[in-house]
Amino acid sequence: MSETPTEATDVPEPVEEPAAEPSYDPAAPAPLGIERTPTGNAEVDAQLERLADVDHLAADGHAEVYEDVHQGLRNALTALDAQTPSPSPSPYDHRS
């Protein structure tokens, strides 16, 4: 009786090490870590918080957020100007 060679089951198969992934991808979006201080005006604070959206976007998406925030801040300032009464004229403003 002849024995045929069988596969060796006692020999472990070589394990391929997974390629080490870089811990930092310079092309990936990264938060800037800039603290946003509340202004006390809810509308302005909401616009400033919107700036955090760029932390998760690629650079080509930043312009849209910045333009949106800029327009929102302009609207907030315009609303504040509309609420502020103009100062009453001083009696000294109308000299003859």
PDB file of N, CA and C in Angstrom:
ATOM      1  N   MET A   1       0.798  -1.157   0.000  1.00  0.00           N
ATOM      2  CA  MET A   1       0.000   0.000   0.000  1.00  0.00           C
ATOM      3  C   MET A   1       0.862   1.249   0.000  1.00  0.00           C
ATOM      4  N   SER A   2       0.612   2.102  -0.939  1.00  0.00           N
ATOM      5  CA  SER A   2       1.411   3.312  -0.982  1.00  0.00           C
ATOM      6  C   SER A   2       0.578   4.480  -0.480  1.00  0.00           C
ATOM      7  N   GLU A   3       1.250   5.317   0.231  1.00  0.00           N
ATOM      8  CA  GLU A   3       0.542   6.477   0.758  1.00  0.00           C
ATOM      9  C   GLU A   3       0.764   7.659  -0.183  1.00  0.00           C
ATOM     10  N   THR A   4      -0.326   8.358  -0.444  1.00  0.00           N
ATOM     11  CA  THR A   4      -0.187   9.551  -1.264  1.00  0.00           C
ATOM     12  C   THR A   4       0.043  10.732  -0.353  1.00  0.00           C
ATOM     13  N   PRO A   5       0.872  11.641  -0.776  1.00  0.00           N
ATOM     14  CA  PRO A   5       1.133  12.802   0.091  1.00  0.00           C
ATOM     15  C   PRO A   5      -0.148  13.613   0.258  1.00  0.00           C
ATOM     16  N   THR A   6      -0.406  13.992   1.429  1.00  0.00           N
ATOM     17  CA  THR A   6      -1.569  14.832   1.733  1.00  0.00           C
ATOM     18  C   THR A   6      -1.083  16.227   2.071  1.00  0.00           C
ATOM     19  N   GLU A   7      -2.029  17.130   2.001  1.00  0.00           N
ATOM     20  CA  GLU A   7      -1.662  18.506   2.346  1.00  0.00           C
ATOM     21  C   GLU A   7      -1.295  18.581   3.815  1.00  0.00           C
ATOM     22  N   ALA A   8      -0.308  19.327   4.091  1.00  0.00           N
ATOM     23  CA  ALA A   8       0.113  19.488   5.479  1.00  0.00           C
ATOM     24  C   ALA A   8      -0.841  20.459   6.148  1.00  0.00           C
ATOM     25  N   THR A   9      -1.540  19.959   7.133  1.00  0.00           N
ATOM     26  CA  THR A   9      -2.478  20.821   7.839  1.00  0.00           C
ATOM     27  C   THR A   9      -1.849  21.426   9.078  1.00  0.00           C
ATOM     28  N   ASP A  10      -0.692  20.955   9.437  1.00  0.00           N
ATOM     29  CA  ASP A  10      -0.024  21.473  10.624  1.00  0.00           C
ATOM     30  C   ASP A  10       0.787  22.735  10.331  1.00  0.00           C
ATOM     31  N   VAL A  11       1.026  23.012   9.069  1.00  0.00           N
ATOM     32  CA  VAL A  11       1.839  24.170   8.714  1.00  0.00           C
ATOM     33  C   VAL A  11       0.914  25.377   8.538  1.00  0.00           C
ATOM     34  N   PRO A  12       1.120  26.430   9.338  1.00  0.00           N
ATOM     35  CA  PRO A  12       0.242  27.606   9.194  1.00  0.00           C
ATOM     36  C   PRO A  12       0.514  28.325   7.871  1.00  0.00           C
ATOM     37  N   GLU A  13      -0.555  28.849   7.322  1.00  0.00           N
ATOM     38  CA  GLU A  13      -0.412  29.614   6.085  1.00  0.00           C
ATOM     39  C   GLU A  13       0.228  30.955   6.421  1.00  0.00           C
ATOM     40  N   PRO A  14       1.021  31.483   5.506  1.00  0.00           N
ATOM     41  CA  PRO A  14       1.623  32.790   5.787  1.00  0.00           C
ATOM     42  C   PRO A  14       0.540  33.862   5.892  1.00  0.00           C
ATOM     43  N   VAL A  15       0.685  34.681   6.885  1.00  0.00           N
ATOM     44  CA  VAL A  15      -0.281  35.750   7.122  1.00  0.00           C
ATOM     45  C   VAL A  15       0.296  37.038   6.553  1.00  0.00           C
ATOM     46  N   GLU A  16      -0.482  37.659   5.671  1.00  0.00           N
ATOM     47  CA  GLU A  16      -0.032  38.922   5.117  1.00  0.00           C
ATOM     48  C   GLU A  16      -0.420  40.038   6.070  1.00  0.00           C
ATOM     49  N   GLU A  17       0.560  40.847   6.394  1.00  0.00           N
ATOM     50  CA  GLU A  17       0.303  41.992   7.255  1.00  0.00           C
ATOM     51  C   GLU A  17      -0.439  43.050   6.437  1.00  0.00           C
ATOM     52  N   PRO A  18      -1.520  43.616   6.979  1.00  0.00           N
ATOM     53  CA  PRO A  18      -2.191  44.682   6.234  1.00  0.00           C
ATOM     54  C   PRO A  18      -1.262  45.889   6.117  1.00  0.00           C
ATOM     55  N   ALA A  19      -1.376  46.540   4.993  1.00  0.00           N
ATOM     56  CA  ALA A  19      -0.536  47.721   4.782  1.00  0.00           C
ATOM     57  C   ALA A  19      -0.874  48.762   5.835  1.00  0.00           C
ATOM     58  N   ALA A  20       0.150  49.316   6.406  1.00  0.00           N
ATOM     59  CA  ALA A  20      -0.066  50.331   7.447  1.00  0.00           C
ATOM     60  C   ALA A  20      -0.675  51.564   6.799  1.00  0.00           C
ATOM     61  N   GLU A  21      -1.825  51.970   7.312  1.00  0.00           N
ATOM     62  CA  GLU A  21      -2.480  53.163   6.792  1.00  0.00           C
ATOM     63  C   GLU A  21      -1.876  54.380   7.474  1.00  0.00           C
ATOM     64  N   PRO A  22      -1.671  55.424   6.705  1.00  0.00           N
ATOM     65  CA  PRO A  22      -1.106  56.625   7.344  1.00  0.00           C
ATOM     66  C   PRO A  22      -2.074  57.164   8.383  1.00  0.00           C
ATOM     67  N   SER A  23      -1.527  57.589   9.490  1.00  0.00           N
ATOM     68  CA  SER A  23      -2.376  58.114  10.557  1.00  0.00           C
ATOM     69  C   SER A  23      -2.862  59.524  10.240  1.00  0.00           C
ATOM     70  N   TYR A  24      -2.254  60.149   9.242  1.00  0.00           N
ATOM     71  CA  TYR A  24      -2.636  61.503   8.880  1.00  0.00           C
ATOM     72  C   TYR A  24      -2.711  61.597   7.366  1.00  0.00           C
ATOM     73  N   ASP A  25      -3.851  62.010   6.885  1.00  0.00           N
ATOM     74  CA  ASP A  25      -4.024  62.205   5.446  1.00  0.00           C
ATOM     75  C   ASP A  25      -4.067  63.696   5.195  1.00  0.00           C
ATOM     76  N   PRO A  26      -3.005  64.275   4.650  1.00  0.00           N
ATOM     77  CA  PRO A  26      -2.973  65.724   4.472  1.00  0.00           C
ATOM     78  C   PRO A  26      -4.043  66.241   3.516  1.00  0.00           C
ATOM     79  N   ALA A  27      -4.593  65.369   2.686  1.00  0.00           N
ATOM     80  CA  ALA A  27      -5.620  65.816   1.742  1.00  0.00           C
ATOM     81  C   ALA A  27      -7.022  65.762   2.345  1.00  0.00           C
ATOM     82  N   ALA A  28      -7.153  65.130   3.484  1.00  0.00           N
ATOM     83  CA  ALA A  28      -8.476  64.994   4.114  1.00  0.00           C
ATOM     84  C   ALA A  28      -8.855  66.277   4.839  1.00  0.00           C
ATOM     85  N   PRO A  29     -10.157  66.583   4.878  1.00  0.00           N
ATOM     86  CA  PRO A  29     -10.591  67.763   5.642  1.00  0.00           C
ATOM     87  C   PRO A  29     -10.228  67.591   7.112  1.00  0.00           C
ATOM     88  N   ALA A  30      -9.806  68.653   7.726  1.00  0.00           N
ATOM     89  CA  ALA A  30      -9.442  68.616   9.143  1.00  0.00           C
ATOM     90  C   ALA A  30      -9.921  69.893   9.818  1.00  0.00           C
ATOM     91  N   PRO A  31     -10.494  69.753  11.008  1.00  0.00           N
ATOM     92  CA  PRO A  31     -10.941  70.942  11.731  1.00  0.00           C
ATOM     93  C   PRO A  31      -9.765  71.849  12.061  1.00  0.00           C
ATOM     94  N   LEU A  32     -10.011  73.143  11.993  1.00  0.00           N
ATOM     95  CA  LEU A  32      -8.960  74.102  12.313  1.00  0.00           C
ATOM     96  C   LEU A  32      -8.831  74.321  13.816  1.00  0.00           C
ATOM     97  N   GLY A  33      -9.873  73.963  14.551  1.00  0.00           N
ATOM     98  CA  GLY A  33      -9.822  74.111  15.994  1.00  0.00           C
ATOM     99  C   GLY A  33      -9.955  75.548  16.463  1.00  0.00           C
ATOM    100  N   ILE A  34     -10.611  76.368  15.662  1.00  0.00           N
ATOM    101  CA  ILE A  34     -10.793  77.770  16.030  1.00  0.00           C
ATOM    102  C   ILE A  34     -12.030  77.887  16.906  1.00  0.00           C
ATOM    103  N   GLU A  35     -11.856  78.502  18.062  1.00  0.00           N
ATOM    104  CA  GLU A  35     -12.967  78.689  18.986  1.00  0.00           C
ATOM    105  C   GLU A  35     -13.860  79.825  18.500  1.00  0.00           C
ATOM    106  N   ARG A  36     -15.148  79.608  18.582  1.00  0.00           N
ATOM    107  CA  ARG A  36     -16.104  80.644  18.188  1.00  0.00           C
ATOM    108  C   ARG A  36     -16.748  81.195  19.458  1.00  0.00           C
ATOM    109  N   THR A  37     -16.544  82.460  19.706  1.00  0.00           N
ATOM    110  CA  THR A  37     -17.078  83.110  20.896  1.00  0.00           C
ATOM    111  C   THR A  37     -18.464  83.654  20.588  1.00  0.00           C
ATOM    112  N   PRO A  38     -19.468  83.286  21.394  1.00  0.00           N
ATOM    113  CA  PRO A  38     -20.822  83.799  21.159  1.00  0.00           C
ATOM    114  C   PRO A  38     -20.860  85.320  21.264  1.00  0.00           C
ATOM    115  N   THR A  39     -21.681  85.931  20.400  1.00  0.00           N
ATOM    116  CA  THR A  39     -21.798  87.386  20.382  1.00  0.00           C
ATOM    117  C   THR A  39     -22.970  87.883  21.214  1.00  0.00           C
ATOM    118  N   GLY A  40     -23.913  86.984  21.486  1.00  0.00           N
ATOM    119  CA  GLY A  40     -25.118  87.389  22.199  1.00  0.00           C
ATOM    120  C   GLY A  40     -26.277  87.649  21.257  1.00  0.00           C
ATOM    121  N   ASN A  41     -26.003  87.724  19.976  1.00  0.00           N
ATOM    122  CA  ASN A  41     -27.050  87.887  18.972  1.00  0.00           C
ATOM    123  C   ASN A  41     -27.273  86.518  18.342  1.00  0.00           C
ATOM    124  N   ALA A  42     -28.466  85.972  18.529  1.00  0.00           N
ATOM    125  CA  ALA A  42     -28.749  84.604  18.083  1.00  0.00           C
ATOM    126  C   ALA A  42     -28.534  84.422  16.581  1.00  0.00           C
ATOM    127  N   GLU A  43     -28.925  85.411  15.792  1.00  0.00           N
ATOM    128  CA  GLU A  43     -28.791  85.284  14.342  1.00  0.00           C
ATOM    129  C   GLU A  43     -27.314  85.277  13.922  1.00  0.00           C
ATOM    130  N   VAL A  44     -26.534  86.148  14.527  1.00  0.00           N
ATOM    131  CA  VAL A  44     -25.099  86.208  14.219  1.00  0.00           C
ATOM    132  C   VAL A  44     -24.414  84.944  14.714  1.00  0.00           C
ATOM    133  N   ASP A  45     -24.760  84.493  15.930  1.00  0.00           N
ATOM    134  CA  ASP A  45     -24.155  83.280  16.474  1.00  0.00           C
ATOM    135  C   ASP A  45     -24.458  82.069  15.596  1.00  0.00           C
ATOM    136  N   ALA A  46     -25.656  81.982  15.056  1.00  0.00           N
ATOM    137  CA  ALA A  46     -26.020  80.867  14.173  1.00  0.00           C
ATOM    138  C   ALA A  46     -25.160  80.890  12.909  1.00  0.00           C
ATOM    139  N   GLN A  47     -24.912  82.072  12.376  1.00  0.00           N
ATOM    140  CA  GLN A  47     -24.067  82.182  11.179  1.00  0.00           C
ATOM    141  C   GLN A  47     -22.623  81.787  11.503  1.00  0.00           C
ATOM    142  N   LEU A  48     -22.129  82.208  12.648  1.00  0.00           N
ATOM    143  CA  LEU A  48     -20.763  81.855  13.025  1.00  0.00           C
ATOM    144  C   LEU A  48     -20.621  80.356  13.252  1.00  0.00           C
ATOM    145  N   GLU A  49     -21.646  79.727  13.805  1.00  0.00           N
ATOM    146  CA  GLU A  49     -21.614  78.278  13.997  1.00  0.00           C
ATOM    147  C   GLU A  49     -21.609  77.550  12.657  1.00  0.00           C
ATOM    148  N   ARG A  50     -22.220  78.157  11.654  1.00  0.00           N
ATOM    149  CA  ARG A  50     -22.252  77.561  10.312  1.00  0.00           C
ATOM    150  C   ARG A  50     -20.838  77.421   9.753  1.00  0.00           C
ATOM    151  N   LEU A  51     -19.920  78.266  10.225  1.00  0.00           N
ATOM    152  CA  LEU A  51     -18.532  78.163   9.772  1.00  0.00           C
ATOM    153  C   LEU A  51     -17.915  76.809  10.123  1.00  0.00           C
ATOM    154  N   ALA A  52     -18.428  76.141  11.143  1.00  0.00           N
ATOM    155  CA  ALA A  52     -17.911  74.828  11.522  1.00  0.00           C
ATOM    156  C   ALA A  52     -18.123  73.801  10.417  1.00  0.00           C
ATOM    157  N   ASP A  53     -19.050  74.063   9.500  1.00  0.00           N
ATOM    158  CA  ASP A  53     -19.299  73.131   8.401  1.00  0.00           C
ATOM    159  C   ASP A  53     -18.073  72.944   7.518  1.00  0.00           C
ATOM    160  N   VAL A  54     -17.229  73.952   7.410  1.00  0.00           N
ATOM    161  CA  VAL A  54     -16.056  73.822   6.553  1.00  0.00           C
ATOM    162  C   VAL A  54     -15.041  72.845   7.123  1.00  0.00           C
ATOM    163  N   ASP A  55     -15.129  72.552   8.412  1.00  0.00           N
ATOM    164  CA  ASP A  55     -14.202  71.603   9.019  1.00  0.00           C
ATOM    165  C   ASP A  55     -14.329  70.211   8.408  1.00  0.00           C
ATOM    166  N   HIS A  56     -15.464  69.915   7.799  1.00  0.00           N
ATOM    167  CA  HIS A  56     -15.708  68.578   7.273  1.00  0.00           C
ATOM    168  C   HIS A  56     -15.780  68.556   5.750  1.00  0.00           C
ATOM    169  N   LEU A  57     -15.443  69.664   5.114  1.00  0.00           N
ATOM    170  CA  LEU A  57     -15.506  69.766   3.660  1.00  0.00           C
ATOM    171  C   LEU A  57     -14.111  69.886   3.068  1.00  0.00           C
ATOM    172  N   ALA A  58     -13.991  69.422   1.841  1.00  0.00           N
ATOM    173  CA  ALA A  58     -12.748  69.660   1.108  1.00  0.00           C
ATOM    174  C   ALA A  58     -12.670  71.148   0.794  1.00  0.00           C
ATOM    175  N   ALA A  59     -11.495  71.617   0.499  1.00  0.00           N
ATOM    176  CA  ALA A  59     -11.275  73.052   0.280  1.00  0.00           C
ATOM    177  C   ALA A  59     -12.185  73.631  -0.799  1.00  0.00           C
ATOM    178  N   ASP A  60     -12.516  72.847  -1.819  1.00  0.00           N
ATOM    179  CA  ASP A  60     -13.363  73.386  -2.886  1.00  0.00           C
ATOM    180  C   ASP A  60     -14.799  73.621  -2.431  1.00  0.00           C
ATOM    181  N   GLY A  61     -15.185  73.135  -1.265  1.00  0.00           N
ATOM    182  CA  GLY A  61     -16.517  73.378  -0.726  1.00  0.00           C
ATOM    183  C   GLY A  61     -16.586  74.554   0.229  1.00  0.00           C
ATOM    184  N   HIS A  62     -15.443  75.111   0.583  1.00  0.00           N
ATOM    185  CA  HIS A  62     -15.403  76.206   1.558  1.00  0.00           C
ATOM    186  C   HIS A  62     -16.062  77.477   1.042  1.00  0.00           C
ATOM    187  N   ALA A  63     -15.838  77.801  -0.218  1.00  0.00           N
ATOM    188  CA  ALA A  63     -16.340  79.074  -0.755  1.00  0.00           C
ATOM    189  C   ALA A  63     -17.848  79.188  -0.607  1.00  0.00           C
ATOM    190  N   GLU A  64     -18.568  78.112  -0.867  1.00  0.00           N
ATOM    191  CA  GLU A  64     -20.030  78.151  -0.761  1.00  0.00           C
ATOM    192  C   GLU A  64     -20.469  78.466   0.670  1.00  0.00           C
ATOM    193  N   VAL A  65     -19.819  77.847   1.640  1.00  0.00           N
ATOM    194  CA  VAL A  65     -20.160  78.097   3.048  1.00  0.00           C
ATOM    195  C   VAL A  65     -19.808  79.538   3.418  1.00  0.00           C
ATOM    196  N   TYR A  66     -18.620  79.998   3.029  1.00  0.00           N
ATOM    197  CA  TYR A  66     -18.210  81.363   3.361  1.00  0.00           C
ATOM    198  C   TYR A  66     -19.156  82.395   2.751  1.00  0.00           C
ATOM    199  N   GLU A  67     -19.560  82.164   1.504  1.00  0.00           N
ATOM    200  CA  GLU A  67     -20.491  83.096   0.863  1.00  0.00           C
ATOM    201  C   GLU A  67     -21.845  83.095   1.575  1.00  0.00           C
ATOM    202  N   ASP A  68     -22.293  81.915   1.970  1.00  0.00           N
ATOM    203  CA  ASP A  68     -23.570  81.801   2.681  1.00  0.00           C
ATOM    204  C   ASP A  68     -23.505  82.527   4.027  1.00  0.00           C
ATOM    205  N   VAL A  69     -22.425  82.318   4.764  1.00  0.00           N
ATOM    206  CA  VAL A  69     -22.254  82.978   6.067  1.00  0.00           C
ATOM    207  C   VAL A  69     -22.132  84.489   5.881  1.00  0.00           C
ATOM    208  N   HIS A  70     -21.384  84.912   4.885  1.00  0.00           N
ATOM    209  CA  HIS A  70     -21.231  86.340   4.630  1.00  0.00           C
ATOM    210  C   HIS A  70     -22.584  86.987   4.349  1.00  0.00           C
ATOM    211  N   GLN A  71     -23.392  86.346   3.511  1.00  0.00           N
ATOM    212  CA  GLN A  71     -24.718  86.892   3.206  1.00  0.00           C
ATOM    213  C   GLN A  71     -25.594  86.911   4.459  1.00  0.00           C
ATOM    214  N   GLY A  72     -25.522  85.852   5.257  1.00  0.00           N
ATOM    215  CA  GLY A  72     -26.301  85.807   6.498  1.00  0.00           C
ATOM    216  C   GLY A  72     -25.911  86.905   7.469  1.00  0.00           C
ATOM    217  N   LEU A  73     -24.603  87.170   7.573  1.00  0.00           N
ATOM    218  CA  LEU A  73     -24.141  88.245   8.460  1.00  0.00           C
ATOM    219  C   LEU A  73     -24.555  89.615   7.935  1.00  0.00           C
ATOM    220  N   ARG A  74     -24.514  89.791   6.628  1.00  0.00           N
ATOM    221  CA  ARG A  74     -24.975  91.065   6.050  1.00  0.00           C
ATOM    222  C   ARG A  74     -26.460  91.268   6.344  1.00  0.00           C
ATOM    223  N   ASN A  75     -27.241  90.198   6.212  1.00  0.00           N
ATOM    224  CA  ASN A  75     -28.674  90.294   6.507  1.00  0.00           C
ATOM    225  C   ASN A  75     -28.904  90.635   7.977  1.00  0.00           C
ATOM    226  N   ALA A  76     -28.127  90.025   8.861  1.00  0.00           N
ATOM    227  CA  ALA A  76     -28.268  90.297  10.294  1.00  0.00           C
ATOM    228  C   ALA A  76     -27.918  91.754  10.593  1.00  0.00           C
ATOM    229  N   LEU A  77     -26.858  92.256   9.980  1.00  0.00           N
ATOM    230  CA  LEU A  77     -26.482  93.660  10.206  1.00  0.00           C
ATOM    231  C   LEU A  77     -27.519  94.617   9.637  1.00  0.00           C
ATOM    232  N   THR A  78     -28.061  94.285   8.487  1.00  0.00           N
ATOM    233  CA  THR A  78     -29.106  95.120   7.896  1.00  0.00           C
ATOM    234  C   THR A  78     -30.325  95.160   8.809  1.00  0.00           C
ATOM    235  N   ALA A  79     -30.680  94.016   9.386  1.00  0.00           N
ATOM    236  CA  ALA A  79     -31.819  93.962  10.305  1.00  0.00           C
ATOM    237  C   ALA A  79     -31.551  94.801  11.551  1.00  0.00           C
ATOM    238  N   LEU A  80     -30.319  94.754  12.042  1.00  0.00           N
ATOM    239  CA  LEU A  80     -29.967  95.570  13.212  1.00  0.00           C
ATOM    240  C   LEU A  80     -30.045  97.055  12.881  1.00  0.00           C
ATOM    241  N   ASP A  81     -29.584  97.430  11.700  1.00  0.00           N
ATOM    242  CA  ASP A  81     -29.653  98.838  11.283  1.00  0.00           C
ATOM    243  C   ASP A  81     -31.101  99.303  11.183  1.00  0.00           C
ATOM    244  N   ALA A  82     -31.969  98.440  10.717  1.00  0.00           N
ATOM    245  CA  ALA A  82     -33.381  98.806  10.571  1.00  0.00           C
ATOM    246  C   ALA A  82     -34.050  98.989  11.941  1.00  0.00           C
ATOM    247  N   GLN A  83     -33.561  98.277  12.951  1.00  0.00           N
ATOM    248  CA  GLN A  83     -34.137  98.369  14.294  1.00  0.00           C
ATOM    249  C   GLN A  83     -33.613  99.576  15.065  1.00  0.00           C
ATOM    250  N   THR A  84     -32.437 100.040  14.730  1.00  0.00           N
ATOM    251  CA  THR A  84     -31.808 101.122  15.477  1.00  0.00           C
ATOM    252  C   THR A  84     -32.407 102.452  15.043  1.00  0.00           C
ATOM    253  N   PRO A  85     -33.045 103.166  15.975  1.00  0.00           N
ATOM    254  CA  PRO A  85     -33.597 104.473  15.607  1.00  0.00           C
ATOM    255  C   PRO A  85     -32.458 105.460  15.367  1.00  0.00           C
ATOM    256  N   SER A  86     -32.670 106.319  14.413  1.00  0.00           N
ATOM    257  CA  SER A  86     -31.640 107.336  14.150  1.00  0.00           C
ATOM    258  C   SER A  86     -31.668 108.351  15.286  1.00  0.00           C
ATOM    259  N   PRO A  87     -30.518 108.884  15.634  1.00  0.00           N
ATOM    260  CA  PRO A  87     -30.482 109.845  16.739  1.00  0.00           C
ATOM    261  C   PRO A  87     -31.291 111.093  16.386  1.00  0.00           C
ATOM    262  N   SER A  88     -31.923 111.652  17.403  1.00  0.00           N
ATOM    263  CA  SER A  88     -32.707 112.874  17.164  1.00  0.00           C
ATOM    264  C   SER A  88     -31.771 114.016  16.860  1.00  0.00           C
ATOM    265  N   PRO A  89     -32.160 114.882  15.973  1.00  0.00           N
ATOM    266  CA  PRO A  89     -31.264 115.994  15.613  1.00  0.00           C
ATOM    267  C   PRO A  89     -31.012 116.905  16.805  1.00  0.00           C
ATOM    268  N   SER A  90     -29.803 117.321  16.892  1.00  0.00           N
ATOM    269  CA  SER A  90     -29.427 118.240  17.965  1.00  0.00           C
ATOM    270  C   SER A  90     -29.864 119.654  17.581  1.00  0.00           C
ATOM    271  N   PRO A  91     -30.239 120.454  18.566  1.00  0.00           N
ATOM    272  CA  PRO A  91     -30.648 121.828  18.226  1.00  0.00           C
ATOM    273  C   PRO A  91     -29.481 122.616  17.601  1.00  0.00           C
ATOM    274  N   TYR A  92     -28.273 122.141  17.779  1.00  0.00           N
ATOM    275  CA  TYR A  92     -27.128 122.851  17.236  1.00  0.00           C
ATOM    276  C   TYR A  92     -26.824 122.463  15.797  1.00  0.00           C
ATOM    277  N   ASP A  93     -27.546 121.458  15.268  1.00  0.00           N
ATOM    278  CA  ASP A  93     -27.297 121.012  13.891  1.00  0.00           C
ATOM    279  C   ASP A  93     -27.870 121.982  12.865  1.00  0.00           C
ATOM    280  N   HIS A  94     -28.797 122.830  13.249  1.00  0.00           N
ATOM    281  CA  HIS A  94     -29.453 123.706  12.285  1.00  0.00           C
ATOM    282  C   HIS A  94     -29.145 125.179  12.591  1.00  0.00           C
ATOM    283  N   ARG A  95     -27.943 125.518  12.497  1.00  0.00           N
ATOM    284  CA  ARG A  95     -27.549 126.911  12.724  1.00  0.00           C
ATOM    285  C   ARG A  95     -27.778 127.717  11.470  1.00  0.00           C
ATOM    286  N   SER A  96     -28.151 128.934  11.633  1.00  0.00           N
ATOM    287  CA  SER A  96     -28.325 129.789  10.469  1.00  0.00           C
ATOM    288  C   SER A  96     -27.251 130.820  10.375  1.00  0.00           C
TER     289      SER A  96
END
